[in-house]
Amino acid sequence: MIERYTLTAPGDIPARFGVAAPDGPPRYNIAPLQIAAIRTAGGAIAARWGLLPPWRGHGGKRGPHILHAPIDALDSVPVLRNAFKSQRCLVIADGFFVWHRTGKKSQPLWLHPAPDPDRRDARSRLVGFAGVAATHRDDGQPSFAIIVGPAGPLVAPFDTTMPVAIGDADHAAWLTGPRDRAAALLSSAPAGWRAEPVSTWVNAVDHDDPRCIEPLGNPAQGELF
């Protein structure tokens, strides 16, 4: 499952997603239950990673935070089914991390799209991970879960799942299109992703600075999809 991800260029949100960016600095190590940017049908907002069902259960207890929404659970889990029907979102990112664990050693890798050809100063570009959102009735806090599907070729040796990325041309269909059309987009696989070994600085959840994506070795090695 995706454990951390990045949004290192929030200033690119208006050009890529066509909406004003929510206030916030570049993020190099977004972790569960932290606030991050998502794109909804109404614009870009700051929301908590960890979808919380909008209702209270028996005894007035809140439900658990849902970090990941497996594709095959979108029909079987009521809160995910309801959110997928009417509250789909795009989780704005430009990469995510996996860890190659061998014995006691753990090497992080940053998986990200190749930058736009005309952006020689960039190492990645913004993408929208498929997500579902909810707003709790008590405090009005928006929250989201990232939809995950089967791992691609480079992720498979390290994990069984990975976030689903929605192609740029399909953003509107994902956010506001019919449910069947949105479901079909979950099988798409964008091309041109890269895997870069990066500094173990990212291992600490409280580290959130450019050292988290400091490259080791050849930064252009491999393609993810």
C-alpha atoms as a PDB file:
ATOM      1  CA  MET A   1       0.000   0.000   0.000  1.00  0.00           C
ATOM      2  CA  ILE A   2       1.134   3.567  -0.581  1.00  0.00           C
ATOM      3  CA  GLU A   3       2.728   4.850   2.641  1.00  0.00           C
ATOM      4  CA  ARG A   4       3.983   8.321   1.650  1.00  0.00           C
ATOM      5  CA  TYR A   5       3.836  10.567  -1.390  1.00  0.00           C
ATOM      6  CA  THR A   6       5.023  13.958  -2.640  1.00  0.00           C
ATOM      7  CA  LEU A   7       3.700  17.253  -3.976  1.00  0.00           C
ATOM      8  CA  THR A   8       6.892  19.205  -4.569  1.00  0.00           C
ATOM      9  CA  ALA A   9       5.489  21.769  -7.032  1.00  0.00           C
ATOM     10  CA  PRO A  10       2.125  23.057  -5.727  1.00  0.00           C
ATOM     11  CA  GLY A  11       2.625  26.187  -7.808  1.00  0.00           C
ATOM     12  CA  ASP A  12       1.921  24.088 -10.915  1.00  0.00           C
ATOM     13  CA  ILE A  13      -1.607  23.180  -9.758  1.00  0.00           C
ATOM     14  CA  PRO A  14      -3.399  26.011 -11.642  1.00  0.00           C
ATOM     15  CA  ALA A  15      -1.737  25.153 -14.959  1.00  0.00           C
ATOM     16  CA  ARG A  16      -2.182  21.393 -14.608  1.00  0.00           C
ATOM     17  CA  PHE A  17      -5.591  21.190 -12.920  1.00  0.00           C
ATOM     18  CA  GLY A  18      -7.199  24.480 -13.958  1.00  0.00           C
ATOM     19  CA  VAL A  19      -7.995  25.647 -10.417  1.00  0.00           C
ATOM     20  CA  ALA A  20      -6.372  27.831  -7.796  1.00  0.00           C
ATOM     21  CA  ALA A  21      -4.005  25.988  -5.475  1.00  0.00           C
ATOM     22  CA  PRO A  22      -4.860  25.743  -1.770  1.00  0.00           C
ATOM     23  CA  ASP A  23      -2.340  27.466   0.475  1.00  0.00           C
ATOM     24  CA  GLY A  24       0.577  25.298   1.466  1.00  0.00           C
ATOM     25  CA  PRO A  25       4.306  24.728   0.916  1.00  0.00           C
ATOM     26  CA  PRO A  26       5.926  22.043  -1.243  1.00  0.00           C
ATOM     27  CA  ARG A  27       5.577  18.626   0.376  1.00  0.00           C
ATOM     28  CA  TYR A  28       8.300  16.009   0.166  1.00  0.00           C
ATOM     29  CA  ASN A  29       6.943  13.356   2.519  1.00  0.00           C
ATOM     30  CA  ILE A  30       3.149  13.392   2.902  1.00  0.00           C
ATOM     31  CA  ALA A  31       2.082  10.833   5.498  1.00  0.00           C
ATOM     32  CA  PRO A  32      -1.263   9.368   6.604  1.00  0.00           C
ATOM     33  CA  LEU A  33      -3.605  11.670   8.552  1.00  0.00           C
ATOM     34  CA  GLN A  34      -1.788  14.779   7.314  1.00  0.00           C
ATOM     35  CA  ILE A  35      -3.491  17.588   5.367  1.00  0.00           C
ATOM     36  CA  ALA A  36      -2.837  17.616   1.613  1.00  0.00           C
ATOM     37  CA  ALA A  37      -4.291  19.026  -1.616  1.00  0.00           C
ATOM     38  CA  ILE A  38      -7.035  17.296  -3.562  1.00  0.00           C
ATOM     39  CA  ARG A  39      -9.030  18.328  -6.633  1.00  0.00           C
ATOM     40  CA  THR A  40     -12.783  17.953  -6.331  1.00  0.00           C
ATOM     41  CA  ALA A  41     -15.516  18.850  -8.787  1.00  0.00           C
ATOM     42  CA  GLY A  42     -15.695  22.253  -7.083  1.00  0.00           C
ATOM     43  CA  GLY A  43     -11.979  23.102  -7.035  1.00  0.00           C
ATOM     44  CA  ALA A  44      -8.795  22.312  -5.132  1.00  0.00           C
ATOM     45  CA  ILE A  45      -9.054  22.041  -1.352  1.00  0.00           C
ATOM     46  CA  ALA A  46      -6.972  20.951   1.612  1.00  0.00           C
ATOM     47  CA  ALA A  47      -8.143  17.641   3.073  1.00  0.00           C
ATOM     48  CA  ARG A  48      -6.929  14.984   5.491  1.00  0.00           C
ATOM     49  CA  TRP A  49      -5.437  11.765   4.111  1.00  0.00           C
ATOM     50  CA  GLY A  50      -7.619   9.211   5.861  1.00  0.00           C
ATOM     51  CA  LEU A  51     -11.244   9.136   4.796  1.00  0.00           C
ATOM     52  CA  LEU A  52     -13.605   9.313   7.752  1.00  0.00           C
ATOM     53  CA  PRO A  53     -17.207   8.231   7.143  1.00  0.00           C
ATOM     54  CA  PRO A  54     -19.516  11.241   7.536  1.00  0.00           C
ATOM     55  CA  TRP A  55     -21.770   9.498  10.050  1.00  0.00           C
ATOM     56  CA  ARG A  56     -21.306   8.090  13.543  1.00  0.00           C
ATOM     57  CA  GLY A  57     -21.840   4.383  14.157  1.00  0.00           C
ATOM     58  CA  HIS A  58     -23.422   2.504  17.036  1.00  0.00           C
ATOM     59  CA  GLY A  59     -22.778   4.168  20.369  1.00  0.00           C
ATOM     60  CA  GLY A  60     -21.864   7.442  18.662  1.00  0.00           C
ATOM     61  CA  LYS A  61     -18.400   6.235  17.668  1.00  0.00           C
ATOM     62  CA  ARG A  62     -16.669   7.537  14.593  1.00  0.00           C
ATOM     63  CA  GLY A  63     -15.588   5.022  11.995  1.00  0.00           C
ATOM     64  CA  PRO A  64     -11.912   4.239  11.281  1.00  0.00           C
ATOM     65  CA  HIS A  65      -9.841   6.407   8.945  1.00  0.00           C
ATOM     66  CA  ILE A  66      -9.550   4.748   5.538  1.00  0.00           C
ATOM     67  CA  LEU A  67      -6.211   5.458   3.871  1.00  0.00           C
ATOM     68  CA  HIS A  68      -6.516   3.145   0.868  1.00  0.00           C
ATOM     69  CA  ALA A  69      -9.504   2.144  -1.228  1.00  0.00           C
ATOM     70  CA  PRO A  70      -8.765  -1.059  -3.173  1.00  0.00           C
ATOM     71  CA  ILE A  71     -10.500  -1.156  -6.532  1.00  0.00           C
ATOM     72  CA  ASP A  72     -12.318  -4.365  -5.616  1.00  0.00           C
ATOM     73  CA  ALA A  73     -13.706  -2.770  -2.424  1.00  0.00           C
ATOM     74  CA  LEU A  74     -15.423   0.138  -4.165  1.00  0.00           C
ATOM     75  CA  ASP A  75     -18.597  -1.912  -4.584  1.00  0.00           C
ATOM     76  CA  SER A  76     -18.489  -3.918  -1.366  1.00  0.00           C
ATOM     77  CA  VAL A  77     -17.687  -1.337   1.355  1.00  0.00           C
ATOM     78  CA  PRO A  78     -20.664   1.014   1.874  1.00  0.00           C
ATOM     79  CA  VAL A  79     -18.704   4.193   2.646  1.00  0.00           C
ATOM     80  CA  LEU A  80     -16.461   3.627  -0.392  1.00  0.00           C
ATOM     81  CA  ARG A  81     -19.411   2.745  -2.598  1.00  0.00           C
ATOM     82  CA  ASN A  82     -21.209   5.962  -1.651  1.00  0.00           C
ATOM     83  CA  ALA A  83     -18.088   8.109  -2.096  1.00  0.00           C
ATOM     84  CA  PHE A  84     -17.243   6.519  -5.442  1.00  0.00           C
ATOM     85  CA  LYS A  85     -20.734   7.252  -6.678  1.00  0.00           C
ATOM     86  CA  SER A  86     -20.802  10.951  -5.822  1.00  0.00           C
ATOM     87  CA  GLN A  87     -17.560  12.201  -4.234  1.00  0.00           C
ATOM     88  CA  ARG A  88     -14.676  11.180  -6.440  1.00  0.00           C
ATOM     89  CA  CYS A  89     -11.551  13.326  -6.243  1.00  0.00           C
ATOM     90  CA  LEU A  90      -8.030  13.614  -7.605  1.00  0.00           C
ATOM     91  CA  VAL A  91      -5.233  13.440  -5.052  1.00  0.00           C
ATOM     92  CA  ILE A  92      -2.676  15.939  -6.361  1.00  0.00           C
ATOM     93  CA  ALA A  93       0.829  14.490  -6.296  1.00  0.00           C
ATOM     94  CA  ASP A  94       4.049  14.194  -8.249  1.00  0.00           C
ATOM     95  CA  GLY A  95       5.327  10.872  -6.937  1.00  0.00           C
ATOM     96  CA  PHE A  96       5.201   8.281  -4.181  1.00  0.00           C
ATOM     97  CA  PHE A  97       7.635   6.101  -2.274  1.00  0.00           C
ATOM     98  CA  VAL A  98       8.220   2.373  -2.020  1.00  0.00           C
ATOM     99  CA  TRP A  99      10.848   0.592   0.071  1.00  0.00           C
ATOM    100  CA  HIS A 100      13.110  -2.216  -1.110  1.00  0.00           C
ATOM    101  CA  ARG A 101      13.655  -4.268   2.033  1.00  0.00           C
ATOM    102  CA  THR A 102      16.497  -6.783   2.097  1.00  0.00           C
ATOM    103  CA  GLY A 103      17.297  -8.211   5.502  1.00  0.00           C
ATOM    104  CA  LYS A 104      17.767  -5.343   7.928  1.00  0.00           C
ATOM    105  CA  LYS A 105      18.298  -2.808   5.144  1.00  0.00           C
ATOM    106  CA  SER A 106      15.559  -0.716   3.567  1.00  0.00           C
ATOM    107  CA  GLN A 107      16.205   1.398   0.473  1.00  0.00           C
ATOM    108  CA  PRO A 108      13.515   3.962  -0.441  1.00  0.00           C
ATOM    109  CA  LEU A 109      12.675   4.624  -4.080  1.00  0.00           C
ATOM    110  CA  TRP A 110      10.768   7.637  -5.386  1.00  0.00           C
ATOM    111  CA  LEU A 111       8.418   6.673  -8.219  1.00  0.00           C
ATOM    112  CA  HIS A 112       7.310   9.597 -10.355  1.00  0.00           C
ATOM    113  CA  PRO A 113       6.373  10.702 -13.880  1.00  0.00           C
ATOM    114  CA  ALA A 114       9.026  11.998 -16.224  1.00  0.00           C
ATOM    115  CA  PRO A 115       8.957  15.817 -16.317  1.00  0.00           C
ATOM    116  CA  ASP A 116       7.472  17.731 -19.207  1.00  0.00           C
ATOM    117  CA  PRO A 117      10.044  18.073 -22.010  1.00  0.00           C
ATOM    118  CA  ASP A 118      10.044  21.868 -21.730  1.00  0.00           C
ATOM    119  CA  ARG A 119      10.685  21.831 -17.967  1.00  0.00           C
ATOM    120  CA  ARG A 120      14.415  21.202 -17.716  1.00  0.00           C
ATOM    121  CA  ASP A 121      14.386  22.499 -14.136  1.00  0.00           C
ATOM    122  CA  ALA A 122      11.927  19.822 -12.948  1.00  0.00           C
ATOM    123  CA  ARG A 123      12.377  16.177 -11.996  1.00  0.00           C
ATOM    124  CA  SER A 124       8.693  15.253 -12.123  1.00  0.00           C
ATOM    125  CA  ARG A 125       5.269  16.606 -13.053  1.00  0.00           C
ATOM    126  CA  LEU A 126       1.921  16.744 -11.330  1.00  0.00           C
ATOM    127  CA  VAL A 127      -0.528  13.859 -11.601  1.00  0.00           C
ATOM    128  CA  GLY A 128      -3.912  13.088 -10.106  1.00  0.00           C
ATOM    129  CA  PHE A 129      -4.247   9.864  -8.154  1.00  0.00           C
ATOM    130  CA  ALA A 130      -7.768   8.472  -8.167  1.00  0.00           C
ATOM    131  CA  GLY A 131      -9.414   9.112  -4.824  1.00  0.00           C
ATOM    132  CA  VAL A 132     -12.689   9.249  -2.966  1.00  0.00           C
ATOM    133  CA  ALA A 133     -13.657  11.893  -0.425  1.00  0.00           C
ATOM    134  CA  ALA A 134     -16.045  12.540   2.446  1.00  0.00           C
ATOM    135  CA  THR A 135     -16.805  15.326   4.903  1.00  0.00           C
ATOM    136  CA  HIS A 136     -17.655  14.478   8.493  1.00  0.00           C
ATOM    137  CA  ARG A 137     -20.875  15.966   9.812  1.00  0.00           C
ATOM    138  CA  ASP A 138     -19.364  16.945  13.168  1.00  0.00           C
ATOM    139  CA  ASP A 139     -16.500  19.199  12.172  1.00  0.00           C
ATOM    140  CA  GLY A 140     -16.850  19.706   8.420  1.00  0.00           C
ATOM    141  CA  GLN A 141     -13.329  18.342   7.823  1.00  0.00           C
ATOM    142  CA  PRO A 142     -12.902  16.970   4.287  1.00  0.00           C
ATOM    143  CA  SER A 143     -10.960  13.722   4.089  1.00  0.00           C
ATOM    144  CA  PHE A 144      -9.916  11.326   1.348  1.00  0.00           C
ATOM    145  CA  ALA A 145      -8.658   7.843   0.549  1.00  0.00           C
ATOM    146  CA  ILE A 146      -6.365   6.929  -2.345  1.00  0.00           C
ATOM    147  CA  ILE A 147      -7.643   4.235  -4.700  1.00  0.00           C
ATOM    148  CA  VAL A 148      -5.087   1.471  -5.186  1.00  0.00           C
ATOM    149  CA  GLY A 149      -4.825  -1.243  -7.809  1.00  0.00           C
ATOM    150  CA  PRO A 150      -2.399  -4.011  -8.742  1.00  0.00           C
ATOM    151  CA  ALA A 151       1.274  -3.042  -8.712  1.00  0.00           C
ATOM    152  CA  GLY A 152       3.037  -2.263 -11.989  1.00  0.00           C
ATOM    153  CA  PRO A 153       6.236  -4.012 -13.102  1.00  0.00           C
ATOM    154  CA  LEU A 154       8.733  -2.063 -10.986  1.00  0.00           C
ATOM    155  CA  VAL A 155       6.505  -1.875  -7.921  1.00  0.00           C
ATOM    156  CA  ALA A 156       5.633  -5.574  -7.875  1.00  0.00           C
ATOM    157  CA  PRO A 157       8.968  -6.673  -6.329  1.00  0.00           C
ATOM    158  CA  PHE A 158       8.323  -4.339  -3.366  1.00  0.00           C
ATOM    159  CA  ASP A 159       4.546  -4.208  -2.924  1.00  0.00           C
ATOM    160  CA  THR A 160       1.358  -5.730  -4.266  1.00  0.00           C
ATOM    161  CA  THR A 161      -0.564  -2.508  -4.887  1.00  0.00           C
ATOM    162  CA  MET A 162       0.006   1.060  -6.006  1.00  0.00           C
ATOM    163  CA  PRO A 163      -2.055   4.239  -6.479  1.00  0.00           C
ATOM    164  CA  VAL A 164      -4.097   4.532  -9.660  1.00  0.00           C
ATOM    165  CA  ALA A 165      -3.194   7.621 -11.713  1.00  0.00           C
ATOM    166  CA  ILE A 166      -5.866   9.260 -13.871  1.00  0.00           C
ATOM    167  CA  GLY A 167      -4.626  10.638 -17.190  1.00  0.00           C
ATOM    168  CA  ASP A 168      -4.803  14.395 -17.703  1.00  0.00           C
ATOM    169  CA  ALA A 169      -7.409  14.108 -20.472  1.00  0.00           C
ATOM    170  CA  ASP A 170      -9.680  12.086 -18.186  1.00  0.00           C
ATOM    171  CA  HIS A 171      -9.801  14.378 -15.143  1.00  0.00           C
ATOM    172  CA  ALA A 172     -13.266  15.750 -15.903  1.00  0.00           C
ATOM    173  CA  ALA A 173     -14.690  12.313 -16.661  1.00  0.00           C
ATOM    174  CA  TRP A 174     -13.301  11.010 -13.387  1.00  0.00           C
ATOM    175  CA  LEU A 175     -14.654  13.856 -11.285  1.00  0.00           C
ATOM    176  CA  THR A 176     -18.127  14.264 -12.765  1.00  0.00           C
ATOM    177  CA  GLY A 177     -18.743  11.510 -15.309  1.00  0.00           C
ATOM    178  CA  PRO A 178     -21.079   8.540 -14.920  1.00  0.00           C
ATOM    179  CA  ARG A 179     -20.000   5.855 -12.479  1.00  0.00           C
ATOM    180  CA  ASP A 180     -19.377   3.264 -15.211  1.00  0.00           C
ATOM    181  CA  ARG A 181     -17.162   5.680 -17.131  1.00  0.00           C
ATOM    182  CA  ALA A 182     -15.165   6.451 -13.989  1.00  0.00           C
ATOM    183  CA  ALA A 183     -14.774   2.741 -13.194  1.00  0.00           C
ATOM    184  CA  ALA A 184     -13.333   2.140 -16.666  1.00  0.00           C
ATOM    185  CA  LEU A 185     -10.607   4.723 -16.001  1.00  0.00           C
ATOM    186  CA  LEU A 186      -9.246   2.651 -13.114  1.00  0.00           C
ATOM    187  CA  SER A 187      -7.726   0.203 -15.595  1.00  0.00           C
ATOM    188  CA  SER A 188      -5.668   2.821 -17.442  1.00  0.00           C
ATOM    189  CA  ALA A 189      -1.898   2.881 -17.023  1.00  0.00           C
ATOM    190  CA  PRO A 190      -0.065   6.134 -17.834  1.00  0.00           C
ATOM    191  CA  ALA A 191       3.374   5.734 -19.384  1.00  0.00           C
ATOM    192  CA  GLY A 192       6.775   7.206 -18.712  1.00  0.00           C
ATOM    193  CA  TRP A 193       7.168   6.835 -14.953  1.00  0.00           C
ATOM    194  CA  ARG A 194      10.589   6.481 -13.356  1.00  0.00           C
ATOM    195  CA  ALA A 195      11.998   4.805 -10.264  1.00  0.00           C
ATOM    196  CA  GLU A 196      14.834   6.584  -8.442  1.00  0.00           C
ATOM    197  CA  PRO A 197      16.630   5.358  -5.326  1.00  0.00           C
ATOM    198  CA  VAL A 198      16.627   8.276  -2.884  1.00  0.00           C
ATOM    199  CA  SER A 199      18.073   9.204   0.477  1.00  0.00           C
ATOM    200  CA  THR A 200      16.982   7.273   3.561  1.00  0.00           C
ATOM    201  CA  TRP A 201      16.187  10.701   5.037  1.00  0.00           C
ATOM    202  CA  VAL A 202      12.597  10.064   3.891  1.00  0.00           C
ATOM    203  CA  ASN A 203      12.281   7.113   6.271  1.00  0.00           C
ATOM    204  CA  ALA A 204      11.480   9.455   9.168  1.00  0.00           C
ATOM    205  CA  VAL A 205       7.900  10.662   8.912  1.00  0.00           C
ATOM    206  CA  ASP A 206       8.762  14.067  10.383  1.00  0.00           C
ATOM    207  CA  HIS A 207      11.296  14.790   7.611  1.00  0.00           C
ATOM    208  CA  ASP A 208       9.622  16.903   4.928  1.00  0.00           C
ATOM    209  CA  ASP A 209      12.229  18.723   2.838  1.00  0.00           C
ATOM    210  CA  PRO A 210      14.115  18.275  -0.470  1.00  0.00           C
ATOM    211  CA  ARG A 211      16.516  15.770   1.082  1.00  0.00           C
ATOM    212  CA  CYS A 212      13.660  13.232   0.967  1.00  0.00           C
ATOM    213  CA  ILE A 213      14.013  12.980  -2.832  1.00  0.00           C
ATOM    214  CA  GLU A 214      17.765  13.433  -3.023  1.00  0.00           C
ATOM    215  CA  PRO A 215      18.784  10.994  -5.794  1.00  0.00           C
ATOM    216  CA  LEU A 216      21.229   8.142  -5.456  1.00  0.00           C
ATOM    217  CA  GLY A 217      22.814   6.646  -8.564  1.00  0.00           C
ATOM    218  CA  ASN A 218      21.263   7.180 -11.998  1.00  0.00           C
ATOM    219  CA  PRO A 219      18.130   9.366 -11.704  1.00  0.00           C
ATOM    220  CA  ALA A 220      16.752   8.213 -15.056  1.00  0.00           C
ATOM    221  CA  GLN A 221      16.803   4.486 -14.438  1.00  0.00           C
ATOM    222  CA  GLY A 222      13.841   2.343 -15.274  1.00  0.00           C
ATOM    223  CA  GLU A 223      10.256   2.950 -16.245  1.00  0.00           C
ATOM    224  CA  LEU A 224       7.368   2.087 -14.005  1.00  0.00           C
ATOM    225  CA  PHE A 225       4.661   1.523 -16.595  1.00  0.00           C
END
